[in-house]
C-alpha atoms as a PDB file:
ATOM      1  CA  MET A   1     172.609 176.965 -18.604  1.00  0.00           C
ATOM      2  CA  THR A   2     170.667 175.089 -16.958  1.00  0.00           C
ATOM      3  CA  ARG A   3     168.959 176.511 -14.338  1.00  0.00           C
ATOM      4  CA  ALA A   4     169.755 179.822 -13.581  1.00  0.00           C
ATOM      5  CA  ALA A   5     172.681 181.164 -11.262  1.00  0.00           C
ATOM      6  CA  PRO A   6     171.105 182.662  -8.037  1.00  0.00           C
ATOM      7  CA  ARG A   7     169.832 186.183  -8.475  1.00  0.00           C
ATOM      8  CA  THR A   8     171.475 188.960  -6.793  1.00  0.00           C
ATOM      9  CA  ASP A   9     168.890 192.184  -7.894  1.00  0.00           C
ATOM     10  CA  GLU A  10     168.449 193.207  -4.039  1.00  0.00           C
ATOM     11  CA  SER A  11     165.547 195.639  -5.716  1.00  0.00           C
ATOM     12  CA  ARG A  12     163.449 192.700  -5.967  1.00  0.00           C
ATOM     13  CA  THR A  13     160.965 193.138  -3.322  1.00  0.00           C
ATOM     14  CA  THR A  14     159.760 189.542  -3.338  1.00  0.00           C
ATOM     15  CA  ARG A  15     163.235 188.131  -2.685  1.00  0.00           C
ATOM     16  CA  PRO A  16     164.106 189.670   0.478  1.00  0.00           C
ATOM     17  CA  ASP A  17     167.455 187.278   1.871  1.00  0.00           C
ATOM     18  CA  ALA A  18     167.618 188.254   5.744  1.00  0.00           C
ATOM     19  CA  ALA A  19     166.237 185.879   8.053  1.00  0.00           C
ATOM     20  CA  LYS A  20     162.874 186.925   9.809  1.00  0.00           C
ATOM     21  CA  THR A  21     162.588 187.362  13.356  1.00  0.00           C
ATOM     22  CA  GLU A  22     159.806 185.831  15.317  1.00  0.00           C
ATOM     23  CA  PRO A  23     156.232 187.100  14.805  1.00  0.00           C
ATOM     24  CA  GLU A  24     154.442 188.267  17.351  1.00  0.00           C
ATOM     25  CA  SER A  25     151.575 185.816  16.652  1.00  0.00           C
ATOM     26  CA  ASP A  26     151.439 182.646  14.773  1.00  0.00           C
ATOM     27  CA  ALA A  27     148.330 183.562  13.057  1.00  0.00           C
ATOM     28  CA  GLY A  28     148.117 182.272   9.389  1.00  0.00           C
ATOM     29  CA  LEU A  29     151.017 179.698  10.103  1.00  0.00           C
ATOM     30  CA  GLU A  30     150.949 176.531   8.170  1.00  0.00           C
ATOM     31  CA  ILE A  31     152.835 173.739   9.764  1.00  0.00           C
ATOM     32  CA  GLU A  32     153.751 170.570   7.050  1.00  0.00           C
ATOM     33  CA  THR A  33     155.402 167.173   7.836  1.00  0.00           C
ATOM     34  CA  ILE A  34     157.256 165.387   5.341  1.00  0.00           C
ATOM     35  CA  HIS A  35     158.519 161.722   6.020  1.00  0.00           C
ATOM     36  CA  ARG A  36     161.844 161.258   3.733  1.00  0.00           C
ATOM     37  CA  SER A  37     160.709 157.482   3.097  1.00  0.00           C
ATOM     38  CA  ASP A  38     163.832 157.536   0.387  1.00  0.00           C
ATOM     39  CA  ASN A  39     166.469 158.659   3.280  1.00  0.00           C
ATOM     40  CA  PRO A  40     168.049 155.732   4.552  1.00  0.00           C
ATOM     41  CA  ALA A  41     167.859 157.507   7.960  1.00  0.00           C
ATOM     42  CA  GLY A  42     164.417 157.689   7.454  1.00  0.00           C
ATOM     43  CA  ASP A  43     163.883 160.706   9.350  1.00  0.00           C
ATOM     44  CA  VAL A  44     160.723 163.051   9.625  1.00  0.00           C
ATOM     45  CA  ARG A  45     161.370 166.479   9.549  1.00  0.00           C
ATOM     46  CA  ASN A  46     158.601 169.180  10.504  1.00  0.00           C
ATOM     47  CA  PHE A  47     158.753 172.586   8.366  1.00  0.00           C
ATOM     48  CA  ARG A  48     156.504 175.583   9.645  1.00  0.00           C
ATOM     49  CA  LEU A  49     155.709 177.576   6.942  1.00  0.00           C
ATOM     50  CA  ARG A  50     154.103 180.806   6.527  1.00  0.00           C
ATOM     51  CA  PHE A  51     152.649 182.497   3.311  1.00  0.00           C
ATOM     52  CA  PRO A  52     152.155 186.125   2.497  1.00  0.00           C
ATOM     53  CA  ALA A  53     148.888 187.400   3.726  1.00  0.00           C
ATOM     54  CA  PRO A  54     146.389 189.139   0.823  1.00  0.00           C
ATOM     55  CA  GLY A  55     147.887 192.846   1.632  1.00  0.00           C
ATOM     56  CA  GLU A  56     151.538 191.619   0.621  1.00  0.00           C
ATOM     57  CA  ARG A  57     149.971 190.680  -2.690  1.00  0.00           C
ATOM     58  CA  ASP A  58     149.104 193.089  -5.842  1.00  0.00           C
ATOM     59  CA  ALA A  59     146.234 194.504  -6.602  1.00  0.00           C
ATOM     60  CA  ASP A  60     144.803 191.304  -7.916  1.00  0.00           C
ATOM     61  CA  GLY A  61     145.465 189.629  -4.783  1.00  0.00           C
ATOM     62  CA  LEU A  62     147.568 187.671  -6.428  1.00  0.00           C
ATOM     63  CA  ILE A  63     151.814 186.839  -7.118  1.00  0.00           C
ATOM     64  CA  ASP A  64     153.335 186.053 -10.126  1.00  0.00           C
ATOM     65  CA  GLN A  65     154.496 182.404 -10.322  1.00  0.00           C
ATOM     66  CA  ASP A  66     158.060 183.493 -10.730  1.00  0.00           C
ATOM     67  CA  GLU A  67     158.170 185.899  -7.535  1.00  0.00           C
ATOM     68  CA  GLU A  68     156.107 183.527  -5.367  1.00  0.00           C
ATOM     69  CA  TRP A  69     158.073 182.970  -1.969  1.00  0.00           C
ATOM     70  CA  CYS A  70     157.585 181.682   1.625  1.00  0.00           C
ATOM     71  CA  GLU A  71     158.630 182.172   5.152  1.00  0.00           C
ATOM     72  CA  VAL A  72     160.455 178.901   6.508  1.00  0.00           C
ATOM     73  CA  ARG A  73     161.110 178.193  10.315  1.00  0.00           C
ATOM     74  CA  ILE A  74     164.823 177.368  10.574  1.00  0.00           C
ATOM     75  CA  GLY A  75     165.978 177.293  14.166  1.00  0.00           C
ATOM     76  CA  ASP A  76     164.812 180.291  16.246  1.00  0.00           C
ATOM     77  CA  THR A  77     164.384 182.502  13.069  1.00  0.00           C
ATOM     78  CA  TRP A  78     161.717 183.092  10.253  1.00  0.00           C
ATOM     79  CA  ARG A  79     163.562 182.857   6.591  1.00  0.00           C
ATOM     80  CA  ARG A  80     161.927 184.459   3.499  1.00  0.00           C
ATOM     81  CA  ILE A  81     162.960 182.599   0.693  1.00  0.00           C
ATOM     82  CA  ARG A  82     161.751 182.924  -3.003  1.00  0.00           C
ATOM     83  CA  PHE A  83     160.458 179.505  -4.780  1.00  0.00           C
ATOM     84  CA  HIS A  84     162.463 180.018  -7.508  1.00  0.00           C
ATOM     85  CA  ASP A  85     166.096 180.644  -5.420  1.00  0.00           C
ATOM     86  CA  TYR A  86     166.545 176.896  -5.823  1.00  0.00           C
ATOM     87  CA  HIS A  87     170.073 177.541  -4.309  1.00  0.00           C
ATOM     88  CA  GLU A  88     168.310 178.369  -1.265  1.00  0.00           C
ATOM     89  CA  VAL A  89     165.437 175.793  -1.432  1.00  0.00           C
ATOM     90  CA  TYR A  90     168.092 173.114  -1.622  1.00  0.00           C
ATOM     91  CA  GLY A  91     170.234 174.116   1.141  1.00  0.00           C
ATOM     92  CA  VAL A  92     167.550 172.961   3.533  1.00  0.00           C
ATOM     93  CA  PRO A  93     167.339 168.976   3.605  1.00  0.00           C
ATOM     94  CA  GLY A  94     163.776 168.095   3.168  1.00  0.00           C
ATOM     95  CA  LEU A  95     162.240 171.549   2.272  1.00  0.00           C
ATOM     96  CA  TYR A  96     161.969 171.244  -1.500  1.00  0.00           C
ATOM     97  CA  GLU A  97     159.771 168.030  -1.002  1.00  0.00           C
ATOM     98  CA  ALA A  98     157.789 169.698   2.137  1.00  0.00           C
ATOM     99  CA  LEU A  99     157.117 172.796  -0.239  1.00  0.00           C
ATOM    100  CA  PHE A 100     156.818 171.419  -3.601  1.00  0.00           C
ATOM    101  CA  ALA A 101     155.609 168.065  -3.318  1.00  0.00           C
ATOM    102  CA  ARG A 102     153.351 168.447  -0.099  1.00  0.00           C
ATOM    103  CA  ARG A 103     152.234 171.919   0.005  1.00  0.00           C
ATOM    104  CA  LEU A 104     151.783 172.896  -3.222  1.00  0.00           C
ATOM    105  CA  LYS A 105     151.095 169.238  -5.101  1.00  0.00           C
ATOM    106  CA  CYS A 106     153.988 169.206  -7.738  1.00  0.00           C
ATOM    107  CA  SER A 107     153.304 166.510 -10.107  1.00  0.00           C
ATOM    108  CA  SER A 108     155.294 166.844 -13.157  1.00  0.00           C
ATOM    109  CA  PRO A 109     158.251 164.403 -12.337  1.00  0.00           C
ATOM    110  CA  GLU A 110     155.790 161.150 -12.369  1.00  0.00           C
ATOM    111  CA  ARG A 111     153.055 163.033 -15.146  1.00  0.00           C
ATOM    112  CA  VAL A 112     156.110 163.548 -17.286  1.00  0.00           C
ATOM    113  CA  VAL A 113     158.004 160.428 -17.060  1.00  0.00           C
ATOM    114  CA  GLY A 114     154.820 158.657 -16.803  1.00  0.00           C
ATOM    115  CA  LEU A 115     153.506 159.882 -20.133  1.00  0.00           C
ATOM    116  CA  PHE A 116     156.758 159.329 -21.488  1.00  0.00           C
ATOM    117  CA  ASP A 117     156.612 155.354 -20.154  1.00  0.00           C
ATOM    118  CA  ASP A 118     153.551 155.446 -21.758  1.00  0.00           C
ATOM    119  CA  VAL A 119     154.688 156.139 -25.499  1.00  0.00           C
ATOM    120  CA  LEU A 120     157.715 154.050 -24.987  1.00  0.00           C
ATOM    121  CA  GLY A 121     155.237 151.000 -24.842  1.00  0.00           C
ATOM    122  CA  ASP A 122     154.490 151.648 -28.488  1.00  0.00           C
ATOM    123  CA  PHE A 123     157.747 151.292 -29.576  1.00  0.00           C
ATOM    124  CA  PRO A 124     160.253 148.304 -29.570  1.00  0.00           C
ATOM    125  CA  GLN A 125     162.791 150.100 -27.628  1.00  0.00           C
ATOM    126  CA  ASP A 126     162.975 149.110 -23.795  1.00  0.00           C
ATOM    127  CA  ALA A 127     163.632 151.751 -20.938  1.00  0.00           C
ATOM    128  CA  SER A 128     166.463 149.705 -19.719  1.00  0.00           C
ATOM    129  CA  ASP A 129     168.395 150.807 -23.332  1.00  0.00           C
ATOM    130  CA  LEU A 130     167.937 154.340 -22.243  1.00  0.00           C
ATOM    131  CA  ARG A 131     170.769 156.784 -21.326  1.00  0.00           C
ATOM    132  CA  VAL A 132     169.075 159.812 -20.077  1.00  0.00           C
ATOM    133  CA  LEU A 133     170.373 163.511 -19.677  1.00  0.00           C
ATOM    134  CA  ASP A 134     168.447 164.608 -17.177  1.00  0.00           C
ATOM    135  CA  ILE A 135     168.831 168.933 -17.598  1.00  0.00           C
ATOM    136  CA  GLY A 136     167.712 170.931 -14.586  1.00  0.00           C
ATOM    137  CA  ALA A 137     168.127 167.632 -12.603  1.00  0.00           C
ATOM    138  CA  GLY A 138     167.780 169.626  -9.455  1.00  0.00           C
ATOM    139  CA  ASN A 139     167.805 167.126  -6.131  1.00  0.00           C
ATOM    140  CA  GLY A 140     166.830 163.896  -8.264  1.00  0.00           C
ATOM    141  CA  MET A 141     163.234 164.009  -8.158  1.00  0.00           C
ATOM    142  CA  VAL A 142     162.486 163.332 -11.808  1.00  0.00           C
ATOM    143  CA  GLY A 143     165.723 160.962 -12.359  1.00  0.00           C
ATOM    144  CA  GLU A 144     164.302 158.964  -9.678  1.00  0.00           C
ATOM    145  CA  GLU A 145     160.744 158.454 -11.774  1.00  0.00           C
ATOM    146  CA  PHE A 146     163.292 157.599 -14.506  1.00  0.00           C
ATOM    147  CA  ARG A 147     164.898 154.613 -12.514  1.00  0.00           C
ATOM    148  CA  ARG A 148     161.138 153.452 -11.533  1.00  0.00           C
ATOM    149  CA  ILE A 149     160.164 152.971 -14.805  1.00  0.00           C
ATOM    150  CA  GLY A 150     163.492 151.391 -15.474  1.00  0.00           C
ATOM    151  CA  VAL A 151     166.130 153.467 -16.886  1.00  0.00           C
ATOM    152  CA  PRO A 152     169.650 152.574 -15.538  1.00  0.00           C
ATOM    153  CA  ASN A 153     171.919 155.351 -17.083  1.00  0.00           C
ATOM    154  CA  LEU A 154     171.424 159.127 -16.166  1.00  0.00           C
ATOM    155  CA  LEU A 155     173.664 161.941 -16.231  1.00  0.00           C
ATOM    156  CA  GLY A 156     172.513 165.024 -14.495  1.00  0.00           C
ATOM    157  CA  ILE A 157     173.335 168.521 -15.203  1.00  0.00           C
ATOM    158  CA  ASP A 158     172.494 171.586 -13.040  1.00  0.00           C
ATOM    159  CA  ILE A 159     173.956 175.061 -13.174  1.00  0.00           C
ATOM    160  CA  ILE A 160     173.950 175.616  -9.227  1.00  0.00           C
ATOM    161  CA  PRO A 161     176.343 173.611  -6.981  1.00  0.00           C
ATOM    162  CA  GLU A 162     173.516 173.465  -4.303  1.00  0.00           C
ATOM    163  CA  ALA A 163     171.534 171.132  -6.967  1.00  0.00           C
ATOM    164  CA  LYS A 164     174.168 168.872  -7.226  1.00  0.00           C
ATOM    165  CA  ASP A 165     174.811 168.736  -3.272  1.00  0.00           C
ATOM    166  CA  ALA A 166     171.288 168.302  -2.870  1.00  0.00           C
ATOM    167  CA  ALA A 167     170.734 164.923  -5.302  1.00  0.00           C
ATOM    168  CA  GLU A 168     174.020 163.309  -3.644  1.00  0.00           C
ATOM    169  CA  ARG A 169     172.684 163.956  -0.173  1.00  0.00           C
ATOM    170  CA  ASP A 170     169.226 162.763  -0.559  1.00  0.00           C
ATOM    171  CA  ARG A 171     169.079 160.357  -4.003  1.00  0.00           C
ATOM    172  CA  PRO A 172     172.722 159.084  -3.872  1.00  0.00           C
ATOM    173  CA  GLU A 173     171.589 156.377  -6.414  1.00  0.00           C
ATOM    174  CA  VAL A 174     170.016 158.113  -8.769  1.00  0.00           C
ATOM    175  CA  TYR A 175     172.738 159.208 -11.408  1.00  0.00           C
ATOM    176  CA  ARG A 176     175.660 157.552 -12.784  1.00  0.00           C
ATOM    177  CA  ASP A 177     177.339 161.055 -13.166  1.00  0.00           C
ATOM    178  CA  TYR A 178     176.014 164.380 -12.314  1.00  0.00           C
ATOM    179  CA  LEU A 179     177.678 167.716 -13.728  1.00  0.00           C
ATOM    180  CA  VAL A 180     177.704 171.186 -12.630  1.00  0.00           C
ATOM    181  CA  ALA A 181     177.697 173.462 -15.893  1.00  0.00           C
ATOM    182  CA  ASP A 182     175.944 176.136 -18.246  1.00  0.00           C
ATOM    183  CA  LEU A 183     175.002 174.341 -21.099  1.00  0.00           C
ATOM    184  CA  THR A 184     175.670 177.641 -22.775  1.00  0.00           C
ATOM    185  CA  ASP A 185     179.120 178.207 -22.317  1.00  0.00           C
ATOM    186  CA  LEU A 186     180.695 174.322 -21.997  1.00  0.00           C
ATOM    187  CA  ASP A 187     184.521 173.801 -21.651  1.00  0.00           C
ATOM    188  CA  ASP A 188     186.235 171.181 -23.399  1.00  0.00           C
ATOM    189  CA  GLY A 189     185.957 168.801 -20.277  1.00  0.00           C
ATOM    190  CA  GLN A 190     182.141 169.039 -20.058  1.00  0.00           C
ATOM    191  CA  ARG A 191     181.593 168.385 -23.352  1.00  0.00           C
ATOM    192  CA  SER A 192     183.407 165.080 -23.486  1.00  0.00           C
ATOM    193  CA  ARG A 193     182.073 164.018 -19.953  1.00  0.00           C
ATOM    194  CA  ILE A 194     178.439 164.358 -22.047  1.00  0.00           C
ATOM    195  CA  ALA A 195     179.565 162.990 -25.259  1.00  0.00           C
ATOM    196  CA  THR A 196     181.404 159.814 -23.419  1.00  0.00           C
ATOM    197  CA  PHE A 197     177.913 159.392 -21.461  1.00  0.00           C
ATOM    198  CA  ARG A 198     176.285 158.937 -25.023  1.00  0.00           C
ATOM    199  CA  PRO A 199     172.785 160.220 -24.290  1.00  0.00           C
ATOM    200  CA  ASN A 200     170.300 158.944 -26.346  1.00  0.00           C
ATOM    201  CA  ALA A 201     167.361 160.933 -24.417  1.00  0.00           C
ATOM    202  CA  MET A 202     167.003 164.253 -22.960  1.00  0.00           C
ATOM    203  CA  SER A 203     164.907 165.307 -20.260  1.00  0.00           C
ATOM    204  CA  VAL A 204     163.679 169.175 -18.931  1.00  0.00           C
ATOM    205  CA  VAL A 205     161.110 168.932 -16.560  1.00  0.00           C
ATOM    206  CA  ALA A 206     159.732 172.041 -14.720  1.00  0.00           C
ATOM    207  CA  ALA A 207     162.632 174.294 -15.894  1.00  0.00           C
ATOM    208  CA  LEU A 208     161.999 175.952 -19.286  1.00  0.00           C
ATOM    209  CA  GLY A 209     161.367 179.353 -18.954  1.00  0.00           C
ATOM    210  CA  TYR A 210     161.230 182.140 -16.110  1.00  0.00           C
ATOM    211  CA  GLY A 211     164.791 182.299 -17.101  1.00  0.00           C
ATOM    212  CA  ASP A 212     165.698 179.030 -15.819  1.00  0.00           C
ATOM    213  CA  ILE A 213     166.730 177.277 -18.976  1.00  0.00           C
ATOM    214  CA  PRO A 214     166.716 179.355 -22.203  1.00  0.00           C
ATOM    215  CA  THR A 215     166.191 178.185 -25.816  1.00  0.00           C
ATOM    216  CA  ALA A 216     170.006 177.893 -26.313  1.00  0.00           C
ATOM    217  CA  ALA A 217     170.686 175.750 -23.339  1.00  0.00           C
ATOM    218  CA  PHE A 218     167.987 173.594 -24.597  1.00  0.00           C
ATOM    219  CA  LEU A 219     169.538 173.481 -27.937  1.00  0.00           C
ATOM    220  CA  SER A 220     172.655 172.653 -26.604  1.00  0.00           C
ATOM    221  CA  ALA A 221     171.830 169.754 -24.650  1.00  0.00           C
ATOM    222  CA  ALA A 222     169.529 168.377 -27.740  1.00  0.00           C
ATOM    223  CA  SER A 223     172.949 168.509 -29.710  1.00  0.00           C
ATOM    224  CA  PHE A 224     174.359 165.251 -27.470  1.00  0.00           C
ATOM    225  CA  VAL A 225     171.368 163.602 -28.491  1.00  0.00           C
ATOM    226  CA  PRO A 226     171.486 161.472 -31.612  1.00  0.00           C
ATOM    227  CA  ASP A 227     169.114 161.522 -34.544  1.00  0.00           C
ATOM    228  CA  GLY A 228     166.059 159.520 -33.394  1.00  0.00           C
ATOM    229  CA  GLY A 229     166.642 159.933 -29.719  1.00  0.00           C
ATOM    230  CA  TRP A 230     164.152 161.155 -27.319  1.00  0.00           C
ATOM    231  CA  LEU A 231     163.332 164.709 -25.791  1.00  0.00           C
ATOM    232  CA  VAL A 232     161.131 164.655 -22.945  1.00  0.00           C
ATOM    233  CA  PHE A 233     160.280 167.675 -21.613  1.00  0.00           C
ATOM    234  CA  ASN A 234     157.286 169.953 -20.214  1.00  0.00           C
ATOM    235  CA  ILE A 235     156.273 173.952 -20.536  1.00  0.00           C
ATOM    236  CA  LYS A 236     153.931 176.074 -18.765  1.00  0.00           C
ATOM    237  CA  GLU A 237     151.220 176.363 -21.114  1.00  0.00           C
ATOM    238  CA  ASP A 238     151.508 179.929 -21.112  1.00  0.00           C
ATOM    239  CA  PHE A 239     154.536 179.473 -23.104  1.00  0.00           C
ATOM    240  CA  LEU A 240     153.156 177.456 -25.905  1.00  0.00           C
ATOM    241  CA  ARG A 241     151.023 180.363 -26.606  1.00  0.00           C
ATOM    242  CA  GLU A 242     153.114 182.903 -29.049  1.00  0.00           C
ATOM    243  CA  ARG A 243     151.297 186.324 -28.169  1.00  0.00           C
ATOM    244  CA  ARG A 244     152.255 185.426 -24.272  1.00  0.00           C
ATOM    245  CA  ASP A 245     155.384 183.527 -24.617  1.00  0.00           C
ATOM    246  CA  GLU A 246     158.796 185.774 -23.681  1.00  0.00           C
ATOM    247  CA  SER A 247     160.714 182.668 -23.379  1.00  0.00           C
ATOM    248  CA  GLY A 248     161.230 181.837 -27.263  1.00  0.00           C
ATOM    249  CA  PHE A 249     160.004 178.285 -26.677  1.00  0.00           C
ATOM    250  CA  SER A 250     156.291 178.572 -28.347  1.00  0.00           C
ATOM    251  CA  ARG A 251     158.536 179.767 -31.644  1.00  0.00           C
ATOM    252  CA  LEU A 252     161.111 177.157 -31.222  1.00  0.00           C
ATOM    253  CA  ILE A 253     158.815 174.229 -31.179  1.00  0.00           C
ATOM    254  CA  ARG A 254     156.388 175.421 -33.978  1.00  0.00           C
ATOM    255  CA  ARG A 255     159.712 175.765 -35.921  1.00  0.00           C
ATOM    256  CA  LEU A 256     161.059 172.312 -35.248  1.00  0.00           C
ATOM    257  CA  GLN A 257     157.796 170.610 -36.128  1.00  0.00           C
ATOM    258  CA  ALA A 258     157.420 173.114 -39.388  1.00  0.00           C
ATOM    259  CA  GLU A 259     161.181 172.128 -40.771  1.00  0.00           C
ATOM    260  CA  GLU A 260     160.246 167.979 -39.644  1.00  0.00           C
ATOM    261  CA  ARG A 261     163.537 168.152 -36.810  1.00  0.00           C
ATOM    262  CA  LEU A 262     161.070 167.131 -34.118  1.00  0.00           C
ATOM    263  CA  GLU A 263     158.224 164.635 -34.219  1.00  0.00           C
ATOM    264  CA  ILE A 264     156.125 164.976 -31.407  1.00  0.00           C
ATOM    265  CA  GLN A 265     154.605 161.676 -30.058  1.00  0.00           C
ATOM    266  CA  ALA A 266     152.532 162.814 -27.178  1.00  0.00           C
ATOM    267  CA  MET A 267     151.406 165.940 -25.497  1.00  0.00           C
ATOM    268  CA  ARG A 268     149.257 166.174 -22.601  1.00  0.00           C
ATOM    269  CA  ARG A 269     148.117 169.361 -20.406  1.00  0.00           C
ATOM    270  CA  TYR A 270     148.089 168.909 -16.788  1.00  0.00           C
ATOM    271  CA  ARG A 271     147.944 170.437 -13.425  1.00  0.00           C
ATOM    272  CA  HIS A 272     151.875 171.029 -12.845  1.00  0.00           C
ATOM    273  CA  ARG A 273     151.234 172.123  -8.880  1.00  0.00           C
ATOM    274  CA  LEU A 274     148.975 174.652  -7.145  1.00  0.00           C
ATOM    275  CA  SER A 275     150.218 178.254  -6.931  1.00  0.00           C
ATOM    276  CA  MET A 276     150.691 179.710  -3.665  1.00  0.00           C
ATOM    277  CA  GLN A 277     146.998 180.877  -3.411  1.00  0.00           C
ATOM    278  CA  GLY A 278     145.604 177.425  -4.111  1.00  0.00           C
ATOM    279  CA  GLU A 279     145.152 178.126  -8.310  1.00  0.00           C
ATOM    280  CA  PRO A 280     146.092 175.377 -10.428  1.00  0.00           C
ATOM    281  CA  LEU A 281     149.120 176.103 -12.421  1.00  0.00           C
ATOM    282  CA  HIS A 282     148.801 174.181 -15.991  1.00  0.00           C
ATOM    283  CA  TYR A 283     151.812 173.039 -17.966  1.00  0.00           C
ATOM    284  CA  VAL A 284     151.929 170.543 -21.187  1.00  0.00           C
ATOM    285  CA  ALA A 285     154.281 167.532 -21.248  1.00  0.00           C
ATOM    286  CA  ILE A 286     155.690 166.551 -24.053  1.00  0.00           C
ATOM    287  CA  VAL A 287     157.583 163.741 -25.664  1.00  0.00           C
ATOM    288  CA  ALA A 288     159.213 163.896 -28.943  1.00  0.00           C
ATOM    289  CA  VAL A 289     161.723 162.276 -31.182  1.00  0.00           C
ATOM    290  CA  LYS A 290     164.665 164.060 -32.513  1.00  0.00           C
ATOM    291  CA  LYS A 291     164.365 163.654 -36.307  1.00  0.00           C
ATOM    292  CA  ARG A 292     167.679 165.808 -37.363  1.00  0.00           C
ATOM    293  CA  ASP A 293     169.643 168.263 -35.726  1.00  0.00           C
ATOM    294  CA  LEU A 294     167.737 171.143 -34.223  1.00  0.00           C
ATOM    295  CA  GLY A 295     170.024 174.088 -35.395  1.00  0.00           C
ATOM    296  CA  ASP A 296     171.298 176.608 -32.968  1.00  0.00           C
ATOM    297  CA  ASP A 297     169.463 179.380 -31.001  1.00  0.00           C
ATOM    298  CA  GLU A 298     170.169 182.004 -33.988  1.00  0.00           C
ATOM    299  CA  GLU A 299     167.474 179.831 -36.007  1.00  0.00           C
ATOM    300  CA  ALA A 300     165.299 180.184 -33.391  1.00  0.00           C
ATOM    301  CA  LYS A 301     165.329 183.963 -33.400  1.00  0.00           C
ATOM    302  CA  PRO A 302     162.491 185.943 -35.192  1.00  0.00           C
ATOM    303  CA  ALA A 303     163.571 187.203 -38.698  1.00  0.00           C
END
């Protein structure tokens, strides 16, 4: 699969879905303004965002990255949205950019694609020759960066329909095609659409770990990239530390390198974005060449 399907576990205290009523006070309220310069209408959207007070966090005053949330003023009500409930975020035009790009200073689309552009300069291949399979494509911010470095052909894949709707709404010129699909359960028609696209590169940005894109989905997508093709992705630095990694990616990447199936050309640690508390969240961008078939998910599991 790509991004995990919307969660429905109502016991999660950090994901209340009901709209919140107007508070008695605006104390702690933050107002964000975003100018959608990439929108043909050139509209300006104003968002009022409120974040949890210290008393609503854990004993250390923190909330785990996967549990972060805020309240958004929509119309005359407050709506609480968990950051990783992308189906809700994408449903509000401009909210993703206001929250992640403006408020939390997310830099991953430009940092990861920028690293790839740097590496590509050392190879005879030109960006105009690339056909990129963009996994966890969301609303097209990563695809837009690939377009900026000269990549003409992109196929977006995401598991949630709201992501495709947002990409078509916000960046309709970025993708040649956009597929809503579970990469761990592709049907024949979906496999044919991907194969017909003939990708020679794959990107996965800010989507590995946290149950969004598991190792099986990563390997499924990579299987469509031929030997010698590019794999461009990033991952939270904690997930590269074997003792702290529950996602399986640390073990997978080490195995692929040891078996000479993957040749890493560049790695760069950088600040992905700020946490809700304003602390830096560090990720590692990786640009690699696929040397041969990466195997399946069973091989990635410990013996």
